[in-house]
Amino acid sequence: RGDLVFWKGHVGMLMDTDTLIHANAHHMAVAVEPFAEARARIAAR
């Protein structure tokens, strides 16, 4: 919890090992989502 996850041009914060909170253009809002799902979508798109 509290660790930061970086991509090239993006950052989110872990709520726990399985959950990410981040402001993002996919949701056009600050949103919480499963880390694995966010990671797969961000990598692909």
PDB file of all heavy atoms in Angstrom:
ATOM      1  N   ARG A   1       0.828  -1.194   0.000  1.00  0.00           N
ATOM      2  CA  ARG A   1       0.000   0.000   0.000  1.00  0.00           C
ATOM      3  C   ARG A   1       0.876   1.262   0.000  1.00  0.00           C
ATOM      4  O   ARG A   1       1.816   1.389   0.785  1.00  0.00           O
ATOM      5  CB  ARG A   1      -0.901  -0.003   1.236  1.00  0.00           C
ATOM      6  CG  ARG A   1      -1.842   1.201   1.347  1.00  0.00           C
ATOM      7  CD  ARG A   1      -2.706   1.062   2.591  1.00  0.00           C
ATOM      8  NE  ARG A   1      -3.561   2.222   2.819  1.00  0.00           N
ATOM      9  CZ  ARG A   1      -4.770   2.389   2.320  1.00  0.00           C
ATOM     10  NH1 ARG A   1      -5.290   1.466   1.547  1.00  0.00           N
ATOM     11  NH2 ARG A   1      -5.482   3.472   2.596  1.00  0.00           N
ATOM     12  N   GLY A   2       0.537   2.181  -0.892  1.00  0.00           N
ATOM     13  CA  GLY A   2       1.253   3.438  -0.979  1.00  0.00           C
ATOM     14  C   GLY A   2       2.377   3.458  -1.993  1.00  0.00           C
ATOM     15  O   GLY A   2       2.901   4.533  -2.309  1.00  0.00           O
ATOM     16  N   ASP A   3       2.773   2.298  -2.515  1.00  0.00           N
ATOM     17  CA  ASP A   3       3.808   2.288  -3.542  1.00  0.00           C
ATOM     18  C   ASP A   3       3.271   2.910  -4.828  1.00  0.00           C
ATOM     19  O   ASP A   3       2.074   2.838  -5.129  1.00  0.00           O
ATOM     20  CB  ASP A   3       4.278   0.862  -3.818  1.00  0.00           C
ATOM     21  CG  ASP A   3       5.157   0.310  -2.710  1.00  0.00           C
ATOM     22  OD1 ASP A   3       5.552   1.088  -1.818  1.00  0.00           O
ATOM     23  OD2 ASP A   3       5.439  -0.906  -2.733  1.00  0.00           O
ATOM     24  N   LEU A   4       4.172   3.494  -5.592  1.00  0.00           N
ATOM     25  CA  LEU A   4       3.821   4.133  -6.851  1.00  0.00           C
ATOM     26  C   LEU A   4       4.225   3.229  -8.012  1.00  0.00           C
ATOM     27  O   LEU A   4       5.325   2.674  -8.031  1.00  0.00           O
ATOM     28  CB  LEU A   4       4.531   5.482  -6.985  1.00  0.00           C
ATOM     29  CG  LEU A   4       4.317   6.467  -5.835  1.00  0.00           C
ATOM     30  CD1 LEU A   4       5.097   7.749  -6.104  1.00  0.00           C
ATOM     31  CD2 LEU A   4       2.833   6.774  -5.637  1.00  0.00           C
ATOM     32  N   VAL A   5       3.319   3.115  -8.980  1.00  0.00           N
ATOM     33  CA  VAL A   5       3.576   2.303 -10.169  1.00  0.00           C
ATOM     34  C   VAL A   5       3.694   3.238 -11.367  1.00  0.00           C
ATOM     35  O   VAL A   5       2.781   4.027 -11.633  1.00  0.00           O
ATOM     36  CB  VAL A   5       2.452   1.279 -10.399  1.00  0.00           C
ATOM     37  CG1 VAL A   5       2.794   0.391 -11.594  1.00  0.00           C
ATOM     38  CG2 VAL A   5       2.223   0.435  -9.148  1.00  0.00           C
ATOM     39  N   PHE A   6       4.821   3.134 -12.078  1.00  0.00           N
ATOM     40  CA  PHE A   6       5.083   4.039 -13.195  1.00  0.00           C
ATOM     41  C   PHE A   6       5.060   3.311 -14.532  1.00  0.00           C
ATOM     42  O   PHE A   6       5.575   2.200 -14.662  1.00  0.00           O
ATOM     43  CB  PHE A   6       6.454   4.712 -13.032  1.00  0.00           C
ATOM     44  CG  PHE A   6       6.516   5.679 -11.880  1.00  0.00           C
ATOM     45  CD1 PHE A   6       6.992   5.284 -10.641  1.00  0.00           C
ATOM     46  CD2 PHE A   6       6.101   6.988 -12.043  1.00  0.00           C
ATOM     47  CE1 PHE A   6       7.056   6.174  -9.582  1.00  0.00           C
ATOM     48  CE2 PHE A   6       6.158   7.899 -10.990  1.00  0.00           C
ATOM     49  CZ  PHE A   6       6.632   7.484  -9.752  1.00  0.00           C
ATOM     50  N   TRP A   7       4.469   3.971 -15.494  1.00  0.00           N
ATOM     51  CA  TRP A   7       4.595   3.639 -16.895  1.00  0.00           C
ATOM     52  C   TRP A   7       5.213   4.857 -17.583  1.00  0.00           C
ATOM     53  O   TRP A   7       5.324   5.915 -16.967  1.00  0.00           O
ATOM     54  CB  TRP A   7       3.228   3.352 -17.512  1.00  0.00           C
ATOM     55  CG  TRP A   7       2.541   2.119 -17.037  1.00  0.00           C
ATOM     56  CD1 TRP A   7       2.514   0.903 -17.666  1.00  0.00           C
ATOM     57  CD2 TRP A   7       1.724   1.955 -15.863  1.00  0.00           C
ATOM     58  NE1 TRP A   7       1.756   0.005 -16.956  1.00  0.00           N
ATOM     59  CE2 TRP A   7       1.259   0.626 -15.836  1.00  0.00           C
ATOM     60  CE3 TRP A   7       1.358   2.821 -14.821  1.00  0.00           C
ATOM     61  CZ2 TRP A   7       0.445   0.141 -14.828  1.00  0.00           C
ATOM     62  CZ3 TRP A   7       0.553   2.338 -13.809  1.00  0.00           C
ATOM     63  CH2 TRP A   7       0.097   1.015 -13.812  1.00  0.00           C
ATOM     64  N   LYS A   8       5.603   4.744 -18.818  1.00  0.00           N
ATOM     65  CA  LYS A   8       6.124   5.904 -19.532  1.00  0.00           C
ATOM     66  C   LYS A   8       4.971   6.866 -19.810  1.00  0.00           C
ATOM     67  O   LYS A   8       4.177   6.659 -20.722  1.00  0.00           O
ATOM     68  CB  LYS A   8       6.801   5.485 -20.834  1.00  0.00           C
ATOM     69  CG  LYS A   8       7.499   6.641 -21.554  1.00  0.00           C
ATOM     70  CD  LYS A   8       8.250   6.162 -22.767  1.00  0.00           C
ATOM     71  CE  LYS A   8       8.870   7.331 -23.534  1.00  0.00           C
ATOM     72  NZ  LYS A   8       9.795   8.133 -22.714  1.00  0.00           N
ATOM     73  N   GLY A   9       4.862   7.911 -18.973  1.00  0.00           N
ATOM     74  CA  GLY A   9       3.791   8.892 -19.141  1.00  0.00           C
ATOM     75  C   GLY A   9       2.606   8.693 -18.222  1.00  0.00           C
ATOM     76  O   GLY A   9       1.596   9.397 -18.364  1.00  0.00           O
ATOM     77  N   HIS A  10       2.707   7.776 -17.255  1.00  0.00           N
ATOM     78  CA  HIS A  10       1.563   7.554 -16.370  1.00  0.00           C
ATOM     79  C   HIS A  10       2.057   7.071 -15.008  1.00  0.00           C
ATOM     80  O   HIS A  10       3.130   6.461 -14.897  1.00  0.00           O
ATOM     81  CB  HIS A  10       0.606   6.532 -16.972  1.00  0.00           C
ATOM     82  CG  HIS A  10      -0.686   6.386 -16.218  1.00  0.00           C
ATOM     83  ND1 HIS A  10      -1.560   7.427 -16.015  1.00  0.00           N
ATOM     84  CD2 HIS A  10      -1.244   5.308 -15.591  1.00  0.00           C
ATOM     85  CE1 HIS A  10      -2.598   7.008 -15.319  1.00  0.00           C
ATOM     86  NE2 HIS A  10      -2.432   5.734 -15.041  1.00  0.00           N
ATOM     87  N   VAL A  11       1.251   7.323 -13.966  1.00  0.00           N
ATOM     88  CA  VAL A  11       1.571   6.850 -12.627  1.00  0.00           C
ATOM     89  C   VAL A  11       0.280   6.586 -11.870  1.00  0.00           C
ATOM     90  O   VAL A  11      -0.734   7.270 -12.059  1.00  0.00           O
ATOM     91  CB  VAL A  11       2.441   7.882 -11.856  1.00  0.00           C
ATOM     92  CG1 VAL A  11       1.718   9.208 -11.684  1.00  0.00           C
ATOM     93  CG2 VAL A  11       2.895   7.337 -10.505  1.00  0.00           C
ATOM     94  N   GLY A  12       0.308   5.573 -11.041  1.00  0.00           N
ATOM     95  CA  GLY A  12      -0.796   5.266 -10.149  1.00  0.00           C
ATOM     96  C   GLY A  12      -0.251   4.885  -8.785  1.00  0.00           C
ATOM     97  O   GLY A  12       0.962   4.725  -8.598  1.00  0.00           O
ATOM     98  N   MET A  13      -1.155   4.715  -7.822  1.00  0.00           N
ATOM     99  CA  MET A  13      -0.765   4.383  -6.450  1.00  0.00           C
ATOM    100  C   MET A  13      -1.478   3.100  -6.019  1.00  0.00           C
ATOM    101  O   MET A  13      -2.687   2.947  -6.238  1.00  0.00           O
ATOM    102  CB  MET A  13      -1.146   5.542  -5.517  1.00  0.00           C
ATOM    103  CG  MET A  13      -0.792   5.340  -4.059  1.00  0.00           C
ATOM    104  SD  MET A  13      -1.206   6.798  -3.044  1.00  0.00           S
ATOM    105  CE  MET A  13       0.116   7.920  -3.501  1.00  0.00           C
ATOM    106  N   LEU A  14      -0.733   2.192  -5.423  1.00  0.00           N
ATOM    107  CA  LEU A  14      -1.318   0.947  -4.956  1.00  0.00           C
ATOM    108  C   LEU A  14      -2.084   1.166  -3.658  1.00  0.00           C
ATOM    109  O   LEU A  14      -1.553   1.727  -2.700  1.00  0.00           O
ATOM    110  CB  LEU A  14      -0.241  -0.111  -4.739  1.00  0.00           C
ATOM    111  CG  LEU A  14       0.439  -0.677  -5.993  1.00  0.00           C
ATOM    112  CD1 LEU A  14       1.552  -1.629  -5.586  1.00  0.00           C
ATOM    113  CD2 LEU A  14      -0.571  -1.388  -6.888  1.00  0.00           C
ATOM    114  N   MET A  15      -3.340   0.698  -3.644  1.00  0.00           N
ATOM    115  CA  MET A  15      -4.119   0.682  -2.409  1.00  0.00           C
ATOM    116  C   MET A  15      -3.783  -0.570  -1.607  1.00  0.00           C
ATOM    117  O   MET A  15      -3.844  -0.578  -0.387  1.00  0.00           O
ATOM    118  CB  MET A  15      -5.603   0.736  -2.732  1.00  0.00           C
ATOM    119  CG  MET A  15      -6.016   2.007  -3.461  1.00  0.00           C
ATOM    120  SD  MET A  15      -7.762   1.996  -3.921  1.00  0.00           S
ATOM    121  CE  MET A  15      -8.539   2.047  -2.307  1.00  0.00           C
ATOM    122  N   ASP A  16      -3.482  -1.630  -2.326  1.00  0.00           N
ATOM    123  CA  ASP A  16      -2.935  -2.871  -1.774  1.00  0.00           C
ATOM    124  C   ASP A  16      -2.282  -3.577  -2.960  1.00  0.00           C
ATOM    125  O   ASP A  16      -2.212  -3.011  -4.056  1.00  0.00           O
ATOM    126  CB  ASP A  16      -4.019  -3.731  -1.098  1.00  0.00           C
ATOM    127  CG  ASP A  16      -5.203  -4.009  -2.011  1.00  0.00           C
ATOM    128  OD1 ASP A  16      -4.987  -4.416  -3.178  1.00  0.00           O
ATOM    129  OD2 ASP A  16      -6.351  -3.809  -1.580  1.00  0.00           O
ATOM    130  N   THR A  17      -1.800  -4.772  -2.783  1.00  0.00           N
ATOM    131  CA  THR A  17      -1.057  -5.427  -3.863  1.00  0.00           C
ATOM    132  C   THR A  17      -1.918  -5.709  -5.090  1.00  0.00           C
ATOM    133  O   THR A  17      -1.389  -5.910  -6.188  1.00  0.00           O
ATOM    134  CB  THR A  17      -0.451  -6.751  -3.373  1.00  0.00           C
ATOM    135  OG1 THR A  17      -1.498  -7.586  -2.841  1.00  0.00           O
ATOM    136  CG2 THR A  17       0.591  -6.497  -2.292  1.00  0.00           C
ATOM    137  N   ASP A  18      -3.242  -5.702  -4.929  1.00  0.00           N
ATOM    138  CA  ASP A  18      -4.129  -6.066  -6.036  1.00  0.00           C
ATOM    139  C   ASP A  18      -4.967  -4.912  -6.576  1.00  0.00           C
ATOM    140  O   ASP A  18      -5.751  -5.108  -7.511  1.00  0.00           O
ATOM    141  CB  ASP A  18      -5.097  -7.187  -5.575  1.00  0.00           C
ATOM    142  CG  ASP A  18      -4.355  -8.439  -5.143  1.00  0.00           C
ATOM    143  OD1 ASP A  18      -3.381  -8.819  -5.824  1.00  0.00           O
ATOM    144  OD2 ASP A  18      -4.740  -9.024  -4.117  1.00  0.00           O
ATOM    145  N   THR A  19      -4.826  -3.712  -6.002  1.00  0.00           N
ATOM    146  CA  THR A  19      -5.739  -2.619  -6.345  1.00  0.00           C
ATOM    147  C   THR A  19      -4.972  -1.335  -6.598  1.00  0.00           C
ATOM    148  O   THR A  19      -4.095  -0.959  -5.813  1.00  0.00           O
ATOM    149  CB  THR A  19      -6.751  -2.384  -5.206  1.00  0.00           C
ATOM    150  OG1 THR A  19      -7.290  -3.638  -4.782  1.00  0.00           O
ATOM    151  CG2 THR A  19      -7.894  -1.493  -5.680  1.00  0.00           C
ATOM    152  N   LEU A  20      -5.332  -0.660  -7.689  1.00  0.00           N
ATOM    153  CA  LEU A  20      -4.666   0.574  -8.096  1.00  0.00           C
ATOM    154  C   LEU A  20      -5.665   1.728  -8.076  1.00  0.00           C
ATOM    155  O   LEU A  20      -6.812   1.585  -8.509  1.00  0.00           O
ATOM    156  CB  LEU A  20      -4.121   0.411  -9.514  1.00  0.00           C
ATOM    157  CG  LEU A  20      -3.272   1.570 -10.061  1.00  0.00           C
ATOM    158  CD1 LEU A  20      -1.876   1.533  -9.437  1.00  0.00           C
ATOM    159  CD2 LEU A  20      -3.168   1.481 -11.589  1.00  0.00           C
ATOM    160  N   ILE A  21      -5.230   2.882  -7.578  1.00  0.00           N
ATOM    161  CA  ILE A  21      -6.009   4.103  -7.701  1.00  0.00           C
ATOM    162  C   ILE A  21      -5.201   5.059  -8.564  1.00  0.00           C
ATOM    163  O   ILE A  21      -3.993   5.236  -8.360  1.00  0.00           O
ATOM    164  CB  ILE A  21      -6.353   4.730  -6.332  1.00  0.00           C
ATOM    165  CG1 ILE A  21      -7.226   5.979  -6.520  1.00  0.00           C
ATOM    166  CG2 ILE A  21      -5.112   5.039  -5.501  1.00  0.00           C
ATOM    167  CD1 ILE A  21      -7.842   6.495  -5.231  1.00  0.00           C
ATOM    168  N   HIS A  22      -5.858   5.654  -9.554  1.00  0.00           N
ATOM    169  CA  HIS A  22      -5.153   6.576 -10.448  1.00  0.00           C
ATOM    170  C   HIS A  22      -6.161   7.452 -11.188  1.00  0.00           C
ATOM    171  O   HIS A  22      -7.297   7.071 -11.439  1.00  0.00           O
ATOM    172  CB  HIS A  22      -4.259   5.824 -11.447  1.00  0.00           C
ATOM    173  CG  HIS A  22      -4.949   4.823 -12.321  1.00  0.00           C
ATOM    174  ND1 HIS A  22      -4.514   4.510 -13.588  1.00  0.00           N
ATOM    175  CD2 HIS A  22      -6.066   4.045 -12.125  1.00  0.00           C
ATOM    176  CE1 HIS A  22      -5.295   3.595 -14.137  1.00  0.00           C
ATOM    177  NE2 HIS A  22      -6.238   3.294 -13.260  1.00  0.00           N
ATOM    178  N   ALA A  23      -5.717   8.652 -11.511  1.00  0.00           N
ATOM    179  CA  ALA A  23      -6.480   9.525 -12.400  1.00  0.00           C
ATOM    180  C   ALA A  23      -6.103   9.133 -13.816  1.00  0.00           C
ATOM    181  O   ALA A  23      -4.917   9.097 -14.157  1.00  0.00           O
ATOM    182  CB  ALA A  23      -6.142  10.986 -12.131  1.00  0.00           C
ATOM    183  N   ASN A  24      -7.098   8.836 -14.641  1.00  0.00           N
ATOM    184  CA  ASN A  24      -6.758   8.308 -15.957  1.00  0.00           C
ATOM    185  C   ASN A  24      -7.802   8.663 -17.007  1.00  0.00           C
ATOM    186  O   ASN A  24      -8.971   8.892 -16.696  1.00  0.00           O
ATOM    187  CB  ASN A  24      -6.570   6.790 -15.877  1.00  0.00           C
ATOM    188  CG  ASN A  24      -7.849   6.060 -15.517  1.00  0.00           C
ATOM    189  OD1 ASN A  24      -8.613   5.655 -16.379  1.00  0.00           O
ATOM    190  ND2 ASN A  24      -8.114   5.911 -14.211  1.00  0.00           N
ATOM    191  N   ALA A  25      -7.353   8.715 -18.244  1.00  0.00           N
ATOM    192  CA  ALA A  25      -8.226   9.110 -19.348  1.00  0.00           C
ATOM    193  C   ALA A  25      -9.172   7.995 -19.775  1.00  0.00           C
ATOM    194  O   ALA A  25     -10.161   8.265 -20.463  1.00  0.00           O
ATOM    195  CB  ALA A  25      -7.380   9.566 -20.535  1.00  0.00           C
ATOM    196  N   HIS A  26      -8.888   6.745 -19.373  1.00  0.00           N
ATOM    197  CA  HIS A  26      -9.807   5.654 -19.696  1.00  0.00           C
ATOM    198  C   HIS A  26     -11.144   5.863 -18.994  1.00  0.00           C
ATOM    199  O   HIS A  26     -12.206   5.711 -19.584  1.00  0.00           O
ATOM    200  CB  HIS A  26      -9.194   4.316 -19.287  1.00  0.00           C
ATOM    201  CG  HIS A  26     -10.091   3.139 -19.509  1.00  0.00           C
ATOM    202  ND1 HIS A  26     -10.349   2.626 -20.760  1.00  0.00           N
ATOM    203  CD2 HIS A  26     -10.799   2.377 -18.625  1.00  0.00           C
ATOM    204  CE1 HIS A  26     -11.171   1.594 -20.650  1.00  0.00           C
ATOM    205  NE2 HIS A  26     -11.461   1.421 -19.363  1.00  0.00           N
ATOM    206  N   HIS A  27     -11.085   6.202 -17.707  1.00  0.00           N
ATOM    207  CA  HIS A  27     -12.296   6.487 -16.944  1.00  0.00           C
ATOM    208  C   HIS A  27     -12.647   7.975 -16.973  1.00  0.00           C
ATOM    209  O   HIS A  27     -13.734   8.358 -16.555  1.00  0.00           O
ATOM    210  CB  HIS A  27     -12.115   6.057 -15.483  1.00  0.00           C
ATOM    211  CG  HIS A  27     -11.918   4.583 -15.297  1.00  0.00           C
ATOM    212  ND1 HIS A  27     -10.661   4.014 -15.231  1.00  0.00           N
ATOM    213  CD2 HIS A  27     -12.811   3.570 -15.155  1.00  0.00           C
ATOM    214  CE1 HIS A  27     -10.782   2.700 -15.050  1.00  0.00           C
ATOM    215  NE2 HIS A  27     -12.067   2.408 -14.997  1.00  0.00           N
ATOM    216  N   MET A  28     -11.716   8.822 -17.418  1.00  0.00           N
ATOM    217  CA  MET A  28     -11.845  10.277 -17.365  1.00  0.00           C
ATOM    218  C   MET A  28     -12.163  10.741 -15.946  1.00  0.00           C
ATOM    219  O   MET A  28     -12.942  11.667 -15.716  1.00  0.00           O
ATOM    220  CB  MET A  28     -12.901  10.784 -18.351  1.00  0.00           C
ATOM    221  CG  MET A  28     -12.435  10.768 -19.797  1.00  0.00           C
ATOM    222  SD  MET A  28     -10.892  11.680 -20.091  1.00  0.00           S
ATOM    223  CE  MET A  28     -11.402  13.372 -19.790  1.00  0.00           C
ATOM    224  N   ALA A  29     -11.513  10.087 -14.976  1.00  0.00           N
ATOM    225  CA  ALA A  29     -11.763  10.385 -13.567  1.00  0.00           C
ATOM    226  C   ALA A  29     -10.700   9.701 -12.722  1.00  0.00           C
ATOM    227  O   ALA A  29      -9.935   8.853 -13.201  1.00  0.00           O
ATOM    228  CB  ALA A  29     -13.150   9.880 -13.158  1.00  0.00           C
ATOM    229  N   VAL A  30     -10.671  10.052 -11.445  1.00  0.00           N
ATOM    230  CA  VAL A  30      -9.906   9.283 -10.469  1.00  0.00           C
ATOM    231  C   VAL A  30     -10.697   8.015 -10.204  1.00  0.00           C
ATOM    232  O   VAL A  30     -11.877   8.064  -9.837  1.00  0.00           O
ATOM    233  CB  VAL A  30      -9.704  10.072  -9.165  1.00  0.00           C
ATOM    234  CG1 VAL A  30      -8.977   9.205  -8.135  1.00  0.00           C
ATOM    235  CG2 VAL A  30      -8.919  11.351  -9.429  1.00  0.00           C
ATOM    236  N   ALA A  31     -10.067   6.870 -10.415  1.00  0.00           N
ATOM    237  CA  ALA A  31     -10.790   5.602 -10.337  1.00  0.00           C
ATOM    238  C   ALA A  31      -9.947   4.548  -9.632  1.00  0.00           C
ATOM    239  O   ALA A  31      -8.719   4.627  -9.592  1.00  0.00           O
ATOM    240  CB  ALA A  31     -11.168   5.116 -11.732  1.00  0.00           C
ATOM    241  N   VAL A  32     -10.645   3.552  -9.091  1.00  0.00           N
ATOM    242  CA  VAL A  32     -10.020   2.380  -8.488  1.00  0.00           C
ATOM    243  C   VAL A  32     -10.329   1.189  -9.377  1.00  0.00           C
ATOM    244  O   VAL A  32     -11.463   1.021  -9.830  1.00  0.00           O
ATOM    245  CB  VAL A  32     -10.563   2.137  -7.064  1.00  0.00           C
ATOM    246  CG1 VAL A  32     -10.100   0.782  -6.536  1.00  0.00           C
ATOM    247  CG2 VAL A  32     -10.119   3.258  -6.126  1.00  0.00           C
ATOM    248  N   GLU A  33      -9.319   0.377  -9.639  1.00  0.00           N
ATOM    249  CA  GLU A  33      -9.560  -0.829 -10.436  1.00  0.00           C
ATOM    250  C   GLU A  33      -8.542  -1.901 -10.071  1.00  0.00           C
ATOM    251  O   GLU A  33      -7.481  -1.589  -9.488  1.00  0.00           O
ATOM    252  CB  GLU A  33      -9.519  -0.527 -11.929  1.00  0.00           C
ATOM    253  CG  GLU A  33      -8.221   0.048 -12.446  1.00  0.00           C
ATOM    254  CD  GLU A  33      -8.293   0.338 -13.934  1.00  0.00           C
ATOM    255  OE1 GLU A  33      -8.859  -0.477 -14.695  1.00  0.00           O
ATOM    256  OE2 GLU A  33      -7.770   1.386 -14.357  1.00  0.00           O
ATOM    257  N   PRO A  34      -8.843  -3.156 -10.389  1.00  0.00           N
ATOM    258  CA  PRO A  34      -7.872  -4.216 -10.121  1.00  0.00           C
ATOM    259  C   PRO A  34      -6.552  -3.926 -10.829  1.00  0.00           C
ATOM    260  O   PRO A  34      -6.531  -3.576 -12.021  1.00  0.00           O
ATOM    261  CB  PRO A  34      -8.558  -5.464 -10.682  1.00  0.00           C
ATOM    262  CG  PRO A  34     -10.020  -5.154 -10.607  1.00  0.00           C
ATOM    263  CD  PRO A  34     -10.119  -3.689 -10.914  1.00  0.00           C
ATOM    264  N   PHE A  35      -5.474  -4.068 -10.103  1.00  0.00           N
ATOM    265  CA  PHE A  35      -4.162  -3.741 -10.649  1.00  0.00           C
ATOM    266  C   PHE A  35      -3.861  -4.562 -11.901  1.00  0.00           C
ATOM    267  O   PHE A  35      -3.346  -4.034 -12.907  1.00  0.00           O
ATOM    268  CB  PHE A  35      -3.102  -3.972  -9.568  1.00  0.00           C
ATOM    269  CG  PHE A  35      -1.698  -3.695  -9.996  1.00  0.00           C
ATOM    270  CD1 PHE A  35      -1.398  -2.671 -10.882  1.00  0.00           C
ATOM    271  CD2 PHE A  35      -0.644  -4.456  -9.492  1.00  0.00           C
ATOM    272  CE1 PHE A  35      -0.085  -2.412 -11.265  1.00  0.00           C
ATOM    273  CE2 PHE A  35       0.660  -4.196  -9.867  1.00  0.00           C
ATOM    274  CZ  PHE A  35       0.945  -3.183 -10.760  1.00  0.00           C
ATOM    275  N   ALA A  36      -4.177  -5.842 -11.877  1.00  0.00           N
ATOM    276  CA  ALA A  36      -3.881  -6.702 -13.023  1.00  0.00           C
ATOM    277  C   ALA A  36      -4.624  -6.241 -14.276  1.00  0.00           C
ATOM    278  O   ALA A  36      -4.060  -6.240 -15.379  1.00  0.00           O
ATOM    279  CB  ALA A  36      -4.236  -8.150 -12.698  1.00  0.00           C
ATOM    280  N   GLU A  37      -5.892  -5.836 -14.095  1.00  0.00           N
ATOM    281  CA  GLU A  37      -6.671  -5.368 -15.247  1.00  0.00           C
ATOM    282  C   GLU A  37      -6.112  -4.051 -15.789  1.00  0.00           C
ATOM    283  O   GLU A  37      -5.999  -3.868 -17.006  1.00  0.00           O
ATOM    284  CB  GLU A  37      -8.132  -5.199 -14.851  1.00  0.00           C
ATOM    285  CG  GLU A  37      -8.850  -6.502 -14.564  1.00  0.00           C
ATOM    286  CD  GLU A  37     -10.320  -6.279 -14.216  1.00  0.00           C
ATOM    287  OE1 GLU A  37     -10.842  -5.162 -14.472  1.00  0.00           O
ATOM    288  OE2 GLU A  37     -10.941  -7.220 -13.694  1.00  0.00           O
ATOM    289  N   ALA A  38      -5.788  -3.151 -14.890  1.00  0.00           N
ATOM    290  CA  ALA A  38      -5.228  -1.870 -15.319  1.00  0.00           C
ATOM    291  C   ALA A  38      -3.901  -2.088 -16.036  1.00  0.00           C
ATOM    292  O   ALA A  38      -3.641  -1.484 -17.089  1.00  0.00           O
ATOM    293  CB  ALA A  38      -5.036  -0.960 -14.114  1.00  0.00           C
ATOM    294  N   ARG A  39      -3.077  -2.950 -15.473  1.00  0.00           N
ATOM    295  CA  ARG A  39      -1.765  -3.207 -16.074  1.00  0.00           C
ATOM    296  C   ARG A  39      -1.903  -3.773 -17.485  1.00  0.00           C
ATOM    297  O   ARG A  39      -1.203  -3.333 -18.410  1.00  0.00           O
ATOM    298  CB  ARG A  39      -0.988  -4.174 -15.187  1.00  0.00           C
ATOM    299  CG  ARG A  39       0.400  -4.483 -15.674  1.00  0.00           C
ATOM    300  CD  ARG A  39       1.147  -5.349 -14.672  1.00  0.00           C
ATOM    301  NE  ARG A  39       2.529  -5.521 -15.060  1.00  0.00           N
ATOM    302  CZ  ARG A  39       3.450  -6.137 -14.317  1.00  0.00           C
ATOM    303  NH1 ARG A  39       3.099  -6.634 -13.127  1.00  0.00           N
ATOM    304  NH2 ARG A  39       4.694  -6.248 -14.744  1.00  0.00           N
ATOM    305  N   ALA A  40      -2.815  -4.717 -17.680  1.00  0.00           N
ATOM    306  CA  ALA A  40      -3.002  -5.322 -19.005  1.00  0.00           C
ATOM    307  C   ALA A  40      -3.531  -4.295 -20.004  1.00  0.00           C
ATOM    308  O   ALA A  40      -3.071  -4.238 -21.155  1.00  0.00           O
ATOM    309  CB  ALA A  40      -3.960  -6.514 -18.893  1.00  0.00           C
ATOM    310  N   ARG A  41      -4.498  -3.498 -19.582  1.00  0.00           N
ATOM    311  CA  ARG A  41      -5.068  -2.504 -20.501  1.00  0.00           C
ATOM    312  C   ARG A  41      -4.035  -1.450 -20.887  1.00  0.00           C
ATOM    313  O   ARG A  41      -3.903  -1.076 -22.056  1.00  0.00           O
ATOM    314  CB  ARG A  41      -6.278  -1.819 -19.870  1.00  0.00           C
ATOM    315  CG  ARG A  41      -6.975  -0.850 -20.830  1.00  0.00           C
ATOM    316  CD  ARG A  41      -8.018   0.018 -20.164  1.00  0.00           C
ATOM    317  NE  ARG A  41      -7.431   1.026 -19.292  1.00  0.00           N
ATOM    318  CZ  ARG A  41      -7.505   1.000 -17.970  1.00  0.00           C
ATOM    319  NH1 ARG A  41      -8.153   0.027 -17.356  1.00  0.00           N
ATOM    320  NH2 ARG A  41      -6.940   1.957 -17.257  1.00  0.00           N
ATOM    321  N   ILE A  42      -3.308  -0.965 -19.898  1.00  0.00           N
ATOM    322  CA  ILE A  42      -2.319   0.077 -20.152  1.00  0.00           C
ATOM    323  C   ILE A  42      -1.214  -0.447 -21.067  1.00  0.00           C
ATOM    324  O   ILE A  42      -0.754   0.246 -21.981  1.00  0.00           O
ATOM    325  CB  ILE A  42      -1.746   0.602 -18.826  1.00  0.00           C
ATOM    326  CG1 ILE A  42      -2.832   1.395 -18.079  1.00  0.00           C
ATOM    327  CG2 ILE A  42      -0.517   1.464 -19.050  1.00  0.00           C
ATOM    328  CD1 ILE A  42      -2.474   1.752 -16.650  1.00  0.00           C
ATOM    329  N   ALA A  43      -0.795  -1.676 -20.854  1.00  0.00           N
ATOM    330  CA  ALA A  43       0.250  -2.255 -21.698  1.00  0.00           C
ATOM    331  C   ALA A  43      -0.217  -2.392 -23.138  1.00  0.00           C
ATOM    332  O   ALA A  43       0.541  -2.153 -24.078  1.00  0.00           O
ATOM    333  CB  ALA A  43       0.669  -3.618 -21.149  1.00  0.00           C
ATOM    334  N   ALA A  44      -1.486  -2.759 -23.322  1.00  0.00           N
ATOM    335  CA  ALA A  44      -2.007  -3.016 -24.665  1.00  0.00           C
ATOM    336  C   ALA A  44      -2.389  -1.745 -25.415  1.00  0.00           C
ATOM    337  O   ALA A  44      -2.227  -1.662 -26.635  1.00  0.00           O
ATOM    338  CB  ALA A  44      -3.222  -3.945 -24.563  1.00  0.00           C
ATOM    339  N   ARG A  45      -2.872  -0.737 -24.687  1.00  0.00           N
ATOM    340  CA  ARG A  45      -3.501   0.388 -25.377  1.00  0.00           C
ATOM    341  C   ARG A  45      -2.841   1.735 -25.163  1.00  0.00           C
ATOM    342  O   ARG A  45      -3.083   2.658 -25.952  1.00  0.00           O
ATOM    343  CB  ARG A  45      -4.965   0.490 -24.933  1.00  0.00           C
ATOM    344  CG  ARG A  45      -5.819  -0.708 -25.283  1.00  0.00           C
ATOM    345  CD  ARG A  45      -7.224  -0.551 -24.726  1.00  0.00           C
ATOM    346  NE  ARG A  45      -7.808   0.746 -25.074  1.00  0.00           N
ATOM    347  CZ  ARG A  45      -8.957   1.205 -24.559  1.00  0.00           C
ATOM    348  NH1 ARG A  45      -9.609   0.474 -23.668  1.00  0.00           N
ATOM    349  NH2 ARG A  45      -9.435   2.370 -24.917  1.00  0.00           N
TER     350      ARG A  45
END
